[in-house]
């Protein structure tokens, strides 16, 4: 099975439902994580660049050997492909 990622912050969602956000009626949202999407709304009203800055520290912490500049560069390349940030 292909790895799923939050379509807002890029965090891996895993194979189960424990990391999934939820809709207002309690249903799980398959696109967003529980940190970005709660009760049918995004938890942060921010720009893509603000989200990238918020995610720099966690990304560096979860990728040994990666520095902040490399994390920013990777996210600036990846985030525009995510559902929340795409300019279709």
PDB file of N, CA and C in Angstrom:
ATOM      1  N   UNK A   1       0.845  -1.197   0.000  1.00  0.00           N
ATOM      2  CA  UNK A   1       0.000   0.000   0.000  1.00  0.00           C
ATOM      3  C   UNK A   1       0.883   1.250   0.000  1.00  0.00           C
ATOM      4  N   UNK A   2       0.499   2.237  -0.776  1.00  0.00           N
ATOM      5  CA  UNK A   2       1.257   3.472  -0.901  1.00  0.00           C
ATOM      6  C   UNK A   2       1.109   4.325   0.354  1.00  0.00           C
ATOM      7  N   UNK A   3       2.217   4.949   0.765  1.00  0.00           N
ATOM      8  CA  UNK A   3       2.207   5.835   1.935  1.00  0.00           C
ATOM      9  C   UNK A   3       1.323   7.045   1.652  1.00  0.00           C
ATOM     10  N   UNK A   4       0.533   7.430   2.647  1.00  0.00           N
ATOM     11  CA  UNK A   4      -0.319   8.610   2.543  1.00  0.00           C
ATOM     12  C   UNK A   4       0.309   9.740   3.356  1.00  0.00           C
ATOM     13  N   UNK A   5       0.123  10.963   2.887  1.00  0.00           N
ATOM     14  CA  UNK A   5       0.667  12.136   3.561  1.00  0.00           C
ATOM     15  C   UNK A   5      -0.425  13.180   3.730  1.00  0.00           C
ATOM     16  N   UNK A   6      -0.348  13.922   4.830  1.00  0.00           N
ATOM     17  CA  UNK A   6      -1.278  15.025   5.047  1.00  0.00           C
ATOM     18  C   UNK A   6      -1.139  16.013   3.896  1.00  0.00           C
ATOM     19  N   UNK A   7      -2.252  16.404   3.336  1.00  0.00           N
ATOM     20  CA  UNK A   7      -2.268  17.306   2.195  1.00  0.00           C
ATOM     21  C   UNK A   7      -2.196  18.775   2.617  1.00  0.00           C
ATOM     22  N   UNK A   8      -1.787  19.002   3.862  1.00  0.00           N
ATOM     23  CA  UNK A   8      -1.550  20.352   4.366  1.00  0.00           C
ATOM     24  C   UNK A   8      -0.106  20.489   4.846  1.00  0.00           C
ATOM     25  N   UNK A   9       0.332  19.583   5.732  1.00  0.00           N
ATOM     26  CA  UNK A   9       1.671  19.699   6.322  1.00  0.00           C
ATOM     27  C   UNK A   9       2.665  18.668   5.790  1.00  0.00           C
ATOM     28  N   UNK A  10       2.192  17.673   5.052  1.00  0.00           N
ATOM     29  CA  UNK A  10       3.084  16.669   4.477  1.00  0.00           C
ATOM     30  C   UNK A  10       3.466  15.539   5.408  1.00  0.00           C
ATOM     31  N   UNK A  11       2.927  15.506   6.613  1.00  0.00           N
ATOM     32  CA  UNK A  11       3.267  14.452   7.570  1.00  0.00           C
ATOM     33  C   UNK A  11       2.700  13.106   7.116  1.00  0.00           C
ATOM     34  N   UNK A  12       3.470  12.021   7.286  1.00  0.00           N
ATOM     35  CA  UNK A  12       2.939  10.693   6.956  1.00  0.00           C
ATOM     36  C   UNK A  12       1.695  10.390   7.799  1.00  0.00           C
ATOM     37  N   UNK A  13       0.671   9.826   7.169  1.00  0.00           N
ATOM     38  CA  UNK A  13      -0.574   9.502   7.864  1.00  0.00           C
ATOM     39  C   UNK A  13      -0.622   8.057   8.347  1.00  0.00           C
ATOM     40  N   UNK A  14       0.323   7.236   7.927  1.00  0.00           N
ATOM     41  CA  UNK A  14       0.319   5.836   8.334  1.00  0.00           C
ATOM     42  C   UNK A  14      -0.758   5.047   7.625  1.00  0.00           C
ATOM     43  N   UNK A  15      -0.933   3.817   8.037  1.00  0.00           N
ATOM     44  CA  UNK A  15      -1.897   2.926   7.378  1.00  0.00           C
ATOM     45  C   UNK A  15      -3.265   2.909   8.058  1.00  0.00           C
ATOM     46  N   UNK A  16      -3.324   3.216   9.335  1.00  0.00           N
ATOM     47  CA  UNK A  16      -4.600   3.212  10.052  1.00  0.00           C
ATOM     48  C   UNK A  16      -5.283   4.567   9.991  1.00  0.00           C
ATOM     49  N   UNK A  17      -6.184   4.789  10.920  1.00  0.00           N
ATOM     50  CA  UNK A  17      -6.937   6.045  10.946  1.00  0.00           C
ATOM     51  C   UNK A  17      -6.575   6.943  12.116  1.00  0.00           C
ATOM     52  N   UNK A  18      -5.643   6.511  12.969  1.00  0.00           N
ATOM     53  CA  UNK A  18      -5.346   7.263  14.187  1.00  0.00           C
ATOM     54  C   UNK A  18      -4.756   8.647  13.929  1.00  0.00           C
ATOM     55  N   UNK A  19      -4.119   8.864  12.788  1.00  0.00           N
ATOM     56  CA  UNK A  19      -3.514  10.167  12.486  1.00  0.00           C
ATOM     57  C   UNK A  19      -4.420  11.053  11.639  1.00  0.00           C
ATOM     58  N   UNK A  20      -5.587  10.557  11.244  1.00  0.00           N
ATOM     59  CA  UNK A  20      -6.469  11.313  10.357  1.00  0.00           C
ATOM     60  C   UNK A  20      -7.255  12.385  11.106  1.00  0.00           C
ATOM     61  N   UNK A  21      -7.444  13.518  10.427  1.00  0.00           N
ATOM     62  CA  UNK A  21      -8.319  14.555  10.951  1.00  0.00           C
ATOM     63  C   UNK A  21      -9.764  14.107  10.836  1.00  0.00           C
ATOM     64  N   UNK A  22     -10.679  14.954  11.298  1.00  0.00           N
ATOM     65  CA  UNK A  22     -12.084  14.564  11.263  1.00  0.00           C
ATOM     66  C   UNK A  22     -12.974  15.698  10.787  1.00  0.00           C
ATOM     67  N   UNK A  23     -14.116  15.281  10.233  1.00  0.00           N
ATOM     68  CA  UNK A  23     -15.137  16.223   9.786  1.00  0.00           C
ATOM     69  C   UNK A  23     -15.996  16.634  10.983  1.00  0.00           C
ATOM     70  N   UNK A  24     -16.835  17.626  10.793  1.00  0.00           N
ATOM     71  CA  UNK A  24     -17.698  18.116  11.863  1.00  0.00           C
ATOM     72  C   UNK A  24     -18.608  17.020  12.408  1.00  0.00           C
ATOM     73  N   UNK A  25     -18.990  16.065  11.548  1.00  0.00           N
ATOM     74  CA  UNK A  25     -19.870  14.981  11.992  1.00  0.00           C
ATOM     75  C   UNK A  25     -19.107  13.789  12.564  1.00  0.00           C
ATOM     76  N   UNK A  26     -17.778  13.924  12.700  1.00  0.00           N
ATOM     77  CA  UNK A  26     -16.969  12.866  13.292  1.00  0.00           C
ATOM     78  C   UNK A  26     -16.315  11.912  12.306  1.00  0.00           C
ATOM     79  N   UNK A  27     -16.768  11.930  11.042  1.00  0.00           N
ATOM     80  CA  UNK A  27     -16.132  11.064  10.040  1.00  0.00           C
ATOM     81  C   UNK A  27     -14.674  11.452   9.867  1.00  0.00           C
ATOM     82  N   UNK A  28     -13.842  10.462   9.584  1.00  0.00           N
ATOM     83  CA  UNK A  28     -12.426  10.705   9.356  1.00  0.00           C
ATOM     84  C   UNK A  28     -12.221  11.337   7.986  1.00  0.00           C
ATOM     85  N   UNK A  29     -11.327  12.300   7.913  1.00  0.00           N
ATOM     86  CA  UNK A  29     -10.961  12.923   6.645  1.00  0.00           C
ATOM     87  C   UNK A  29      -9.706  12.216   6.147  1.00  0.00           C
ATOM     88  N   UNK A  30      -9.740  11.717   4.952  1.00  0.00           N
ATOM     89  CA  UNK A  30      -8.649  10.912   4.408  1.00  0.00           C
ATOM     90  C   UNK A  30      -7.473  11.746   3.894  1.00  0.00           C
ATOM     91  N   UNK A  31      -7.625  13.068   3.814  1.00  0.00           N
ATOM     92  CA  UNK A  31      -6.587  13.917   3.238  1.00  0.00           C
ATOM     93  C   UNK A  31      -5.717  14.648   4.254  1.00  0.00           C
ATOM     94  N   UNK A  32      -6.235  14.883   5.448  1.00  0.00           N
ATOM     95  CA  UNK A  32      -5.530  15.747   6.391  1.00  0.00           C
ATOM     96  C   UNK A  32      -5.314  15.070   7.739  1.00  0.00           C
ATOM     97  N   UNK A  33      -4.233  15.460   8.412  1.00  0.00           N
ATOM     98  CA  UNK A  33      -3.896  14.866   9.714  1.00  0.00           C
ATOM     99  C   UNK A  33      -4.711  15.504  10.842  1.00  0.00           C
ATOM    100  N   UNK A  34      -4.653  14.863  11.996  1.00  0.00           N
ATOM    101  CA  UNK A  34      -5.417  15.323  13.157  1.00  0.00           C
ATOM    102  C   UNK A  34      -4.880  16.629  13.738  1.00  0.00           C
ATOM    103  N   UNK A  35      -3.692  17.036  13.325  1.00  0.00           N
ATOM    104  CA  UNK A  35      -3.135  18.298  13.796  1.00  0.00           C
ATOM    105  C   UNK A  35      -3.543  19.468  12.900  1.00  0.00           C
ATOM    106  N   UNK A  36      -3.796  19.191  11.629  1.00  0.00           N
ATOM    107  CA  UNK A  36      -4.137  20.242  10.663  1.00  0.00           C
ATOM    108  C   UNK A  36      -5.635  20.422  10.466  1.00  0.00           C
ATOM    109  N   UNK A  37      -6.435  19.387  10.755  1.00  0.00           N
ATOM    110  CA  UNK A  37      -7.855  19.417  10.394  1.00  0.00           C
ATOM    111  C   UNK A  37      -8.692  18.806  11.511  1.00  0.00           C
ATOM    112  N   UNK A  38      -9.518  19.631  12.154  1.00  0.00           N
ATOM    113  CA  UNK A  38     -10.347  19.193  13.278  1.00  0.00           C
ATOM    114  C   UNK A  38     -11.754  19.728  13.104  1.00  0.00           C
ATOM    115  N   UNK A  39     -12.741  18.855  13.284  1.00  0.00           N
ATOM    116  CA  UNK A  39     -14.157  19.237  13.217  1.00  0.00           C
ATOM    117  C   UNK A  39     -14.509  19.965  11.913  1.00  0.00           C
ATOM    118  N   UNK A  40     -13.884  19.503  10.798  1.00  0.00           N
ATOM    119  CA  UNK A  40     -14.230  20.033   9.489  1.00  0.00           C
ATOM    120  C   UNK A  40     -13.541  21.327   9.101  1.00  0.00           C
ATOM    121  N   UNK A  41     -12.556  21.747   9.885  1.00  0.00           N
ATOM    122  CA  UNK A  41     -11.860  23.004   9.581  1.00  0.00           C
ATOM    123  C   UNK A  41     -10.360  22.855   9.805  1.00  0.00           C
ATOM    124  N   UNK A  42      -9.609  23.652   9.074  1.00  0.00           N
ATOM    125  CA  UNK A  42      -8.170  23.688   9.312  1.00  0.00           C
ATOM    126  C   UNK A  42      -7.904  24.344  10.658  1.00  0.00           C
ATOM    127  N   UNK A  43      -6.913  23.842  11.369  1.00  0.00           N
ATOM    128  CA  UNK A  43      -6.597  24.367  12.691  1.00  0.00           C
ATOM    129  C   UNK A  43      -5.783  25.655  12.612  1.00  0.00           C
ATOM    130  N   UNK A  44      -5.143  25.906  11.474  1.00  0.00           N
ATOM    131  CA  UNK A  44      -4.338  27.118  11.310  1.00  0.00           C
ATOM    132  C   UNK A  44      -4.765  27.857  10.049  1.00  0.00           C
ATOM    133  N   UNK A  45      -5.064  29.125  10.215  1.00  0.00           N
ATOM    134  CA  UNK A  45      -5.357  29.998   9.082  1.00  0.00           C
ATOM    135  C   UNK A  45      -4.026  30.644   8.718  1.00  0.00           C
ATOM    136  N   UNK A  46      -3.315  30.023   7.784  1.00  0.00           N
ATOM    137  CA  UNK A  46      -1.965  30.469   7.480  1.00  0.00           C
ATOM    138  C   UNK A  46      -1.669  30.321   5.994  1.00  0.00           C
ATOM    139  N   UNK A  47      -0.578  30.925   5.586  1.00  0.00           N
ATOM    140  CA  UNK A  47      -0.111  30.776   4.218  1.00  0.00           C
ATOM    141  C   UNK A  47       0.753  29.519   4.123  1.00  0.00           C
ATOM    142  N   UNK A  48       1.054  29.120   2.912  1.00  0.00           N
ATOM    143  CA  UNK A  48       1.945  27.979   2.722  1.00  0.00           C
ATOM    144  C   UNK A  48       3.307  28.263   3.344  1.00  0.00           C
ATOM    145  N   UNK A  49       3.836  29.455   3.166  1.00  0.00           N
ATOM    146  CA  UNK A  49       5.148  29.789   3.738  1.00  0.00           C
ATOM    147  C   UNK A  49       5.122  29.743   5.263  1.00  0.00           C
ATOM    148  N   UNK A  50       4.021  30.176   5.862  1.00  0.00           N
ATOM    149  CA  UNK A  50       3.898  30.102   7.321  1.00  0.00           C
ATOM    150  C   UNK A  50       3.850  28.643   7.782  1.00  0.00           C
ATOM    151  N   UNK A  51       3.157  27.791   7.033  1.00  0.00           N
ATOM    152  CA  UNK A  51       3.113  26.370   7.377  1.00  0.00           C
ATOM    153  C   UNK A  51       4.500  25.745   7.255  1.00  0.00           C
ATOM    154  N   UNK A  52       5.232  26.104   6.219  1.00  0.00           N
ATOM    155  CA  UNK A  52       6.596  25.589   6.058  1.00  0.00           C
ATOM    156  C   UNK A  52       7.443  25.974   7.262  1.00  0.00           C
ATOM    157  N   UNK A  53       7.382  27.229   7.672  1.00  0.00           N
ATOM    158  CA  UNK A  53       8.178  27.663   8.834  1.00  0.00           C
ATOM    159  C   UNK A  53       7.781  26.894  10.092  1.00  0.00           C
ATOM    160  N   UNK A  54       6.492  26.652  10.264  1.00  0.00           N
ATOM    161  CA  UNK A  54       6.015  25.887  11.415  1.00  0.00           C
ATOM    162  C   UNK A  54       6.552  24.458  11.396  1.00  0.00           C
ATOM    163  N   UNK A  55       6.695  23.885  10.197  1.00  0.00           N
ATOM    164  CA  UNK A  55       7.098  22.483  10.046  1.00  0.00           C
ATOM    165  C   UNK A  55       8.612  22.263  10.014  1.00  0.00           C
ATOM    166  N   UNK A  56       9.400  23.338   9.953  1.00  0.00           N
ATOM    167  CA  UNK A  56      10.856  23.177   9.850  1.00  0.00           C
ATOM    168  C   UNK A  56      11.414  22.367  11.020  1.00  0.00           C
ATOM    169  N   UNK A  57      11.110  22.759  12.236  1.00  0.00           N
ATOM    170  CA  UNK A  57      11.667  22.059  13.404  1.00  0.00           C
ATOM    171  C   UNK A  57      11.271  20.591  13.463  1.00  0.00           C
ATOM    172  N   UNK A  58       9.988  20.243  13.311  1.00  0.00           N
ATOM    173  CA  UNK A  58       9.636  18.820  13.330  1.00  0.00           C
ATOM    174  C   UNK A  58      10.308  18.025  12.207  1.00  0.00           C
ATOM    175  N   UNK A  59      10.451  18.641  11.034  1.00  0.00           N
ATOM    176  CA  UNK A  59      11.071  17.921   9.929  1.00  0.00           C
ATOM    177  C   UNK A  59      12.554  17.664  10.214  1.00  0.00           C
ATOM    178  N   UNK A  60      13.253  18.650  10.744  1.00  0.00           N
ATOM    179  CA  UNK A  60      14.664  18.478  11.100  1.00  0.00           C
ATOM    180  C   UNK A  60      14.796  17.408  12.182  1.00  0.00           C
ATOM    181  N   UNK A  61      13.903  17.442  13.171  1.00  0.00           N
ATOM    182  CA  UNK A  61      13.955  16.472  14.271  1.00  0.00           C
ATOM    183  C   UNK A  61      13.708  15.043  13.791  1.00  0.00           C
ATOM    184  N   UNK A  62      12.884  14.876  12.768  1.00  0.00           N
ATOM    185  CA  UNK A  62      12.557  13.518  12.310  1.00  0.00           C
ATOM    186  C   UNK A  62      13.459  13.032  11.177  1.00  0.00           C
ATOM    187  N   UNK A  63      14.397  13.863  10.744  1.00  0.00           N
ATOM    188  CA  UNK A  63      15.320  13.487   9.670  1.00  0.00           C
ATOM    189  C   UNK A  63      16.754  13.782  10.095  1.00  0.00           C
ATOM    190  N   UNK A  64      17.401  12.841  10.795  1.00  0.00           N
ATOM    191  CA  UNK A  64      18.777  13.059  11.262  1.00  0.00           C
ATOM    192  C   UNK A  64      19.698  13.483  10.111  1.00  0.00           C
ATOM    193  N   UNK A  65      20.503  14.496  10.379  1.00  0.00           N
ATOM    194  CA  UNK A  65      21.437  14.988   9.379  1.00  0.00           C
ATOM    195  C   UNK A  65      20.883  16.114   8.528  1.00  0.00           C
ATOM    196  N   UNK A  66      19.587  16.382   8.620  1.00  0.00           N
ATOM    197  CA  UNK A  66      18.982  17.459   7.832  1.00  0.00           C
ATOM    198  C   UNK A  66      19.072  18.759   8.624  1.00  0.00           C
ATOM    199  N   UNK A  67      19.437  19.844   7.949  1.00  0.00           N
ATOM    200  CA  UNK A  67      19.438  21.138   8.625  1.00  0.00           C
ATOM    201  C   UNK A  67      18.196  21.934   8.220  1.00  0.00           C
ATOM    202  N   UNK A  68      18.002  23.092   8.840  1.00  0.00           N
ATOM    203  CA  UNK A  68      16.793  23.886   8.595  1.00  0.00           C
ATOM    204  C   UNK A  68      16.685  24.353   7.143  1.00  0.00           C
ATOM    205  N   UNK A  69      17.804  24.750   6.552  1.00  0.00           N
ATOM    206  CA  UNK A  69      17.758  25.216   5.164  1.00  0.00           C
ATOM    207  C   UNK A  69      17.344  24.098   4.215  1.00  0.00           C
ATOM    208  N   UNK A  70      17.880  22.894   4.442  1.00  0.00           N
ATOM    209  CA  UNK A  70      17.514  21.752   3.593  1.00  0.00           C
ATOM    210  C   UNK A  70      16.037  21.396   3.779  1.00  0.00           C
ATOM    211  N   UNK A  71      15.537  21.491   5.010  1.00  0.00           N
ATOM    212  CA  UNK A  71      14.124  21.212   5.280  1.00  0.00           C
ATOM    213  C   UNK A  71      13.240  22.213   4.537  1.00  0.00           C
ATOM    214  N   UNK A  72      13.582  23.499   4.628  1.00  0.00           N
ATOM    215  CA  UNK A  72      12.806  24.530   3.923  1.00  0.00           C
ATOM    216  C   UNK A  72      12.810  24.280   2.420  1.00  0.00           C
ATOM    217  N   UNK A  73      13.972  23.990   1.877  1.00  0.00           N
ATOM    218  CA  UNK A  73      14.093  23.754   0.443  1.00  0.00           C
ATOM    219  C   UNK A  73      13.231  22.570   0.006  1.00  0.00           C
ATOM    220  N   UNK A  74      13.278  21.490   0.775  1.00  0.00           N
ATOM    221  CA  UNK A  74      12.480  20.308   0.442  1.00  0.00           C
ATOM    222  C   UNK A  74      10.987  20.617   0.508  1.00  0.00           C
ATOM    223  N   UNK A  75      10.567  21.339   1.537  1.00  0.00           N
ATOM    224  CA  UNK A  75       9.147  21.660   1.675  1.00  0.00           C
ATOM    225  C   UNK A  75       8.689  22.656   0.618  1.00  0.00           C
ATOM    226  N   UNK A  76       9.538  23.601   0.251  1.00  0.00           N
ATOM    227  CA  UNK A  76       9.163  24.560  -0.804  1.00  0.00           C
ATOM    228  C   UNK A  76       8.965  23.863  -2.143  1.00  0.00           C
ATOM    229  N   UNK A  77       9.666  22.755  -2.350  1.00  0.00           N
ATOM    230  CA  UNK A  77       9.492  21.974  -3.579  1.00  0.00           C
ATOM    231  C   UNK A  77       8.255  21.077  -3.499  1.00  0.00           C
ATOM    232  N   UNK A  78       7.945  20.563  -2.297  1.00  0.00           N
ATOM    233  CA  UNK A  78       6.882  19.572  -2.124  1.00  0.00           C
ATOM    234  C   UNK A  78       5.502  20.188  -1.836  1.00  0.00           C
ATOM    235  N   UNK A  79       5.441  21.204  -0.994  1.00  0.00           N
ATOM    236  CA  UNK A  79       4.155  21.730  -0.548  1.00  0.00           C
ATOM    237  C   UNK A  79       3.248  22.211  -1.682  1.00  0.00           C
ATOM    238  N   UNK A  80       3.769  22.848  -2.743  1.00  0.00           N
ATOM    239  CA  UNK A  80       2.860  23.283  -3.807  1.00  0.00           C
ATOM    240  C   UNK A  80       2.115  22.128  -4.492  1.00  0.00           C
ATOM    241  N   UNK A  81       2.551  20.892  -4.262  1.00  0.00           N
ATOM    242  CA  UNK A  81       1.882  19.717  -4.829  1.00  0.00           C
ATOM    243  C   UNK A  81       0.775  19.193  -3.918  1.00  0.00           C
ATOM    244  N   UNK A  82       0.747  19.657  -2.665  1.00  0.00           N
ATOM    245  CA  UNK A  82      -0.263  19.196  -1.713  1.00  0.00           C
ATOM    246  C   UNK A  82      -1.605  19.867  -1.992  1.00  0.00           C
ATOM    247  N   UNK A  83      -2.671  19.136  -1.720  1.00  0.00           N
ATOM    248  CA  UNK A  83      -4.036  19.572  -2.033  1.00  0.00           C
ATOM    249  C   UNK A  83      -4.361  20.976  -1.495  1.00  0.00           C
ATOM    250  N   UNK A  84      -3.991  21.252  -0.248  1.00  0.00           N
ATOM    251  CA  UNK A  84      -4.334  22.560   0.330  1.00  0.00           C
ATOM    252  C   UNK A  84      -3.630  23.712  -0.379  1.00  0.00           C
ATOM    253  N   UNK A  85      -2.452  23.479  -0.890  1.00  0.00           N
ATOM    254  CA  UNK A  85      -1.629  24.566  -1.429  1.00  0.00           C
ATOM    255  C   UNK A  85      -1.566  24.603  -2.959  1.00  0.00           C
ATOM    256  N   UNK A  86      -2.126  23.601  -3.617  1.00  0.00           N
ATOM    257  CA  UNK A  86      -2.090  23.567  -5.092  1.00  0.00           C
ATOM    258  C   UNK A  86      -2.839  24.743  -5.682  1.00  0.00           C
ATOM    259  N   UNK A  87      -2.297  25.215  -6.768  1.00  0.00           N
ATOM    260  CA  UNK A  87      -2.955  26.291  -7.529  1.00  0.00           C
ATOM    261  C   UNK A  87      -3.464  25.676  -8.820  1.00  0.00           C
ATOM    262  N   UNK A  88      -4.588  24.966  -8.741  1.00  0.00           N
ATOM    263  CA  UNK A  88      -5.125  24.252  -9.914  1.00  0.00           C
ATOM    264  C   UNK A  88      -5.688  25.172 -10.950  1.00  0.00           C
TER     265      UNK A  88
END
